[in-house]
Amino acid sequence: MENLSLIVGLGNPGRDYSQTRHNAGFQVVELLAKRWHAAWTTEKKFAARVARAELAGGRVLLCQPQTYMNASGESVGAVLAYYQIELARLVVLVDDADLPLGEIRMRPGGGTGGHHGLESVSQHLGTKQFGRQRIGIGRTVDGRRDIVNHVLGQFSADEKKQLNQVLERAAGQVETWLSQGIQMAMNRFNGVVATEETTS
């Protein structure tokens, strides 16, 4: 559908998961909905929560699949098909344990990096060529590959202070993607989020 963009935050539904590292994508779209005064509704036909906004550049759908992370593609594929949204107007927001906390990275396509949510989306869309924003959540100190407990764990108090800045910057990157395109969003925002220093 013309001038309709889809922003999907990936995560797991339910209170137990709401503040976990794996739900960073959910947290960014929730911040965007708050900024845009967009109300969430549950859309059973998409197995998703959806919020709608009218912005200067057109209409926007925010989406939180409620299928659990590993089946996120079911919701994304259903929304895209129903509204006939072009792939160029889709961006998927995900956590990334291979990036340190404090770094965000948007790309127009690429691999899944072993992220089960991206794998599901790629499988249902039949392509890896869709925009994605990776939000760094870091790894455990010893760098183990078995990080299930890490990604499903809560952010520490110190991490939460930094996370708020990361979410704000990630939301700003998505808004730039909407208004000026992915190249400008990448150029302006990809990289490490500068930590605010307190001044006396």
Protein backbone atom coordinates (compact mmCIF):
# COMPACT_ATOMS: atom_id res chain seq x y z
CA MET A 1 0.00 0.00 0.00
CA GLU A 2 1.40 3.35 -1.04
CA ASN A 3 3.04 5.52 1.63
CA LEU A 4 2.60 2.86 4.31
CA SER A 5 5.65 1.83 6.29
CA LEU A 6 5.99 -1.09 8.70
CA ILE A 7 8.27 -0.99 11.74
CA VAL A 8 8.51 -4.32 13.54
CA GLY A 9 10.04 -4.71 16.97
CA LEU A 10 10.91 -8.32 17.80
CA GLY A 11 10.61 -9.80 21.26
CA ASN A 12 8.65 -12.22 23.41
CA PRO A 13 5.15 -11.42 24.70
CA GLY A 14 4.21 -11.43 28.35
CA ARG A 15 5.22 -9.64 31.53
CA ASP A 16 8.02 -12.10 32.33
CA TYR A 17 9.90 -11.05 29.18
CA SER A 18 9.02 -7.36 28.99
CA GLN A 19 12.27 -5.96 30.37
CA THR A 20 14.69 -8.61 29.12
CA ARG A 21 17.58 -7.98 26.76
CA HIS A 22 15.88 -10.08 24.05
CA ASN A 23 13.01 -7.55 23.98
CA ALA A 24 15.06 -4.52 22.95
CA GLY A 25 13.11 -4.38 19.66
CA PHE A 26 9.82 -4.28 21.54
CA GLN A 27 11.14 -1.44 23.68
CA VAL A 28 12.08 0.74 20.70
CA VAL A 29 8.65 0.46 19.04
CA GLU A 30 7.00 1.16 22.40
CA LEU A 31 9.06 4.35 22.65
CA LEU A 32 8.07 5.33 19.11
CA ALA A 33 4.38 4.75 19.89
CA LYS A 34 4.75 6.99 22.94
CA ARG A 35 6.47 9.71 20.90
CA TRP A 36 3.77 9.59 18.23
CA HIS A 37 0.83 9.20 20.65
CA ALA A 38 -0.12 5.97 18.88
CA ALA A 39 -2.38 3.53 20.74
CA TRP A 40 -1.73 -0.23 20.70
CA THR A 41 -4.42 -2.72 19.71
CA THR A 42 -4.28 -6.50 19.52
CA GLU A 43 -4.88 -7.80 16.00
CA LYS A 44 -5.67 -11.51 16.21
CA LYS A 45 -5.54 -11.98 12.44
CA PHE A 46 -1.86 -10.98 12.56
CA ALA A 47 -1.08 -12.52 15.97
CA ALA A 48 0.40 -9.13 16.80
CA ARG A 49 -0.01 -5.87 18.65
CA VAL A 50 -0.28 -2.98 16.21
CA ALA A 51 -0.17 0.80 16.59
CA ARG A 52 -0.97 3.23 13.79
CA ALA A 53 0.42 6.71 13.25
CA GLU A 54 0.04 9.47 10.66
CA LEU A 55 3.32 11.29 10.08
CA ALA A 56 4.43 13.93 7.60
CA GLY A 57 5.95 11.29 5.32
CA GLY A 58 2.88 9.04 5.31
CA ARG A 59 1.23 6.37 7.40
CA VAL A 60 3.14 4.05 9.70
CA LEU A 61 2.34 0.73 11.34
CA LEU A 62 4.22 -0.32 14.46
CA CYS A 63 4.11 -4.04 15.12
CA GLN A 64 4.99 -6.38 17.99
CA PRO A 65 4.52 -10.03 16.98
CA GLN A 66 2.89 -12.03 19.78
CA THR A 67 4.05 -15.41 18.46
CA TYR A 68 7.26 -15.56 20.51
CA MET A 69 10.57 -14.74 18.92
CA ASN A 70 11.16 -17.95 16.95
CA ALA A 71 7.91 -17.56 14.97
CA SER A 72 8.00 -13.78 14.41
CA GLY A 73 7.89 -14.20 10.65
CA GLU A 74 4.32 -15.46 10.80
CA SER A 75 3.11 -12.05 12.00
CA VAL A 76 5.42 -10.02 9.78
CA GLY A 77 4.45 -11.96 6.67
CA ALA A 78 0.74 -11.63 7.47
CA VAL A 79 0.92 -7.85 7.95
CA LEU A 80 2.98 -7.31 4.80
CA ALA A 81 0.63 -9.42 2.70
CA TYR A 82 -2.57 -7.89 4.07
CA TYR A 83 -1.47 -4.29 3.52
CA GLN A 84 0.67 -5.05 0.44
CA ILE A 85 3.62 -3.20 1.93
CA GLU A 86 6.78 -3.06 -0.16
CA LEU A 87 9.90 -4.63 1.35
CA ALA A 88 11.67 -1.29 1.01
CA ARG A 89 9.17 0.12 3.52
CA LEU A 90 9.90 -2.53 6.17
CA VAL A 91 12.44 -2.34 8.98
CA VAL A 92 12.83 -5.00 11.69
CA LEU A 93 14.32 -4.04 15.08
CA VAL A 94 16.21 -6.75 16.97
CA ASP A 95 18.60 -7.26 19.86
CA ASP A 96 22.13 -8.36 18.93
CA ALA A 97 24.46 -10.10 21.37
CA ASP A 98 27.37 -9.72 18.94
CA LEU A 99 27.25 -5.93 19.38
CA PRO A 100 28.20 -4.37 22.71
CA LEU A 101 25.53 -2.58 24.69
CA GLY A 102 25.57 0.99 23.45
CA GLU A 103 25.96 0.25 19.73
CA ILE A 104 23.23 0.26 17.09
CA ARG A 105 23.55 -0.71 13.45
CA MET A 106 21.02 -0.43 10.62
CA ARG A 107 21.44 -2.27 7.32
CA PRO A 108 19.28 -2.70 4.19
CA GLY A 109 19.73 -6.49 4.25
CA GLY A 110 22.18 -9.25 5.07
CA GLY A 111 22.45 -12.39 7.14
CA THR A 112 20.58 -13.30 10.31
CA GLY A 113 23.64 -13.70 12.54
CA GLY A 114 21.95 -16.71 14.13
CA HIS A 115 19.11 -14.56 15.47
CA HIS A 116 16.04 -16.79 15.52
CA GLY A 117 13.63 -13.89 15.05
CA LEU A 118 15.42 -12.71 11.90
CA GLU A 119 15.63 -16.30 10.69
CA SER A 120 11.86 -16.65 11.01
CA VAL A 121 11.21 -13.36 9.21
CA SER A 122 13.61 -14.29 6.40
CA GLN A 123 11.97 -17.70 6.03
CA HIS A 124 8.44 -16.31 5.79
CA LEU A 125 9.38 -13.47 3.44
CA GLY A 126 11.58 -15.68 1.27
CA THR A 127 14.40 -13.14 1.34
CA LYS A 128 17.01 -11.59 3.61
CA GLN A 129 16.82 -8.30 1.74
CA PHE A 130 14.83 -6.20 4.18
CA GLY A 131 15.94 -3.42 6.49
CA ARG A 132 16.96 -4.28 10.01
CA GLN A 133 18.23 -2.37 12.99
CA ARG A 134 20.44 -4.28 15.41
CA ILE A 135 20.53 -3.06 19.00
CA GLY A 136 23.59 -4.22 20.89
CA ILE A 137 22.99 -6.04 24.17
CA GLY A 138 26.50 -7.42 24.64
CA ARG A 139 27.51 -10.87 25.82
CA THR A 140 28.29 -12.51 29.09
CA VAL A 141 31.70 -11.59 30.45
CA ASP A 142 33.38 -14.82 29.34
CA GLY A 143 31.91 -14.55 25.83
CA ARG A 144 30.27 -17.97 25.80
CA ARG A 145 28.11 -18.86 22.81
CA ASP A 146 25.48 -20.36 25.09
CA ILE A 147 23.83 -17.09 26.03
CA VAL A 148 20.18 -18.04 26.51
CA ASN A 149 20.18 -16.97 30.15
CA HIS A 150 21.93 -13.73 29.19
CA VAL A 151 19.50 -12.61 26.48
CA LEU A 152 16.47 -13.64 28.55
CA GLY A 153 17.84 -11.86 31.61
CA GLN A 154 17.06 -8.38 32.86
CA PHE A 155 19.31 -5.40 32.28
CA SER A 156 21.34 -4.44 35.33
CA ALA A 157 20.81 -1.07 37.00
CA ASP A 158 23.93 0.36 35.32
CA GLU A 159 22.89 -1.07 31.95
CA LYS A 160 19.44 0.49 32.25
CA LYS A 161 20.97 3.96 32.53
CA GLN A 162 22.80 3.42 29.24
CA LEU A 163 19.85 1.58 27.68
CA ASN A 164 17.61 4.63 27.89
CA GLN A 165 20.08 6.57 25.74
CA VAL A 166 20.36 3.65 23.32
CA LEU A 167 16.58 3.40 22.91
CA GLU A 168 16.28 7.14 22.28
CA ARG A 169 18.98 6.99 19.62
CA ALA A 170 17.50 3.87 18.03
CA ALA A 171 14.11 5.59 17.84
CA GLY A 172 15.75 8.62 16.26
CA GLN A 173 17.37 6.40 13.64
CA VAL A 174 14.01 4.87 12.74
CA GLU A 175 12.45 8.31 12.40
CA THR A 176 15.30 9.34 10.08
CA TRP A 177 14.76 6.14 8.07
CA LEU A 178 11.14 7.16 7.61
CA SER A 179 11.80 10.76 6.64
CA GLN A 180 15.15 10.62 4.82
CA GLY A 181 15.81 7.01 3.86
CA ILE A 182 18.04 4.23 5.08
CA GLN A 183 21.34 5.63 3.84
CA MET A 184 20.96 8.83 5.83
CA ALA A 185 19.79 6.86 8.87
CA MET A 186 22.87 4.64 8.66
CA ASN A 187 25.27 7.54 8.17
CA ARG A 188 23.90 9.56 11.06
CA PHE A 189 23.26 6.92 13.69
CA ASN A 190 25.21 3.69 13.12
CA GLY A 191 27.86 3.18 15.77
CA VAL A 192 28.33 3.61 19.49
CA VAL A 193 25.89 5.80 21.39
CA ALA A 194 27.83 8.46 23.25
CA THR A 195 27.32 8.23 27.00
CA GLU A 196 26.00 11.41 28.54
CA GLU A 197 28.39 12.84 31.08
CA THR A 198 27.05 14.60 34.12
CA THR A 199 28.17 18.18 34.46
CA SER A 200 28.64 19.97 37.74
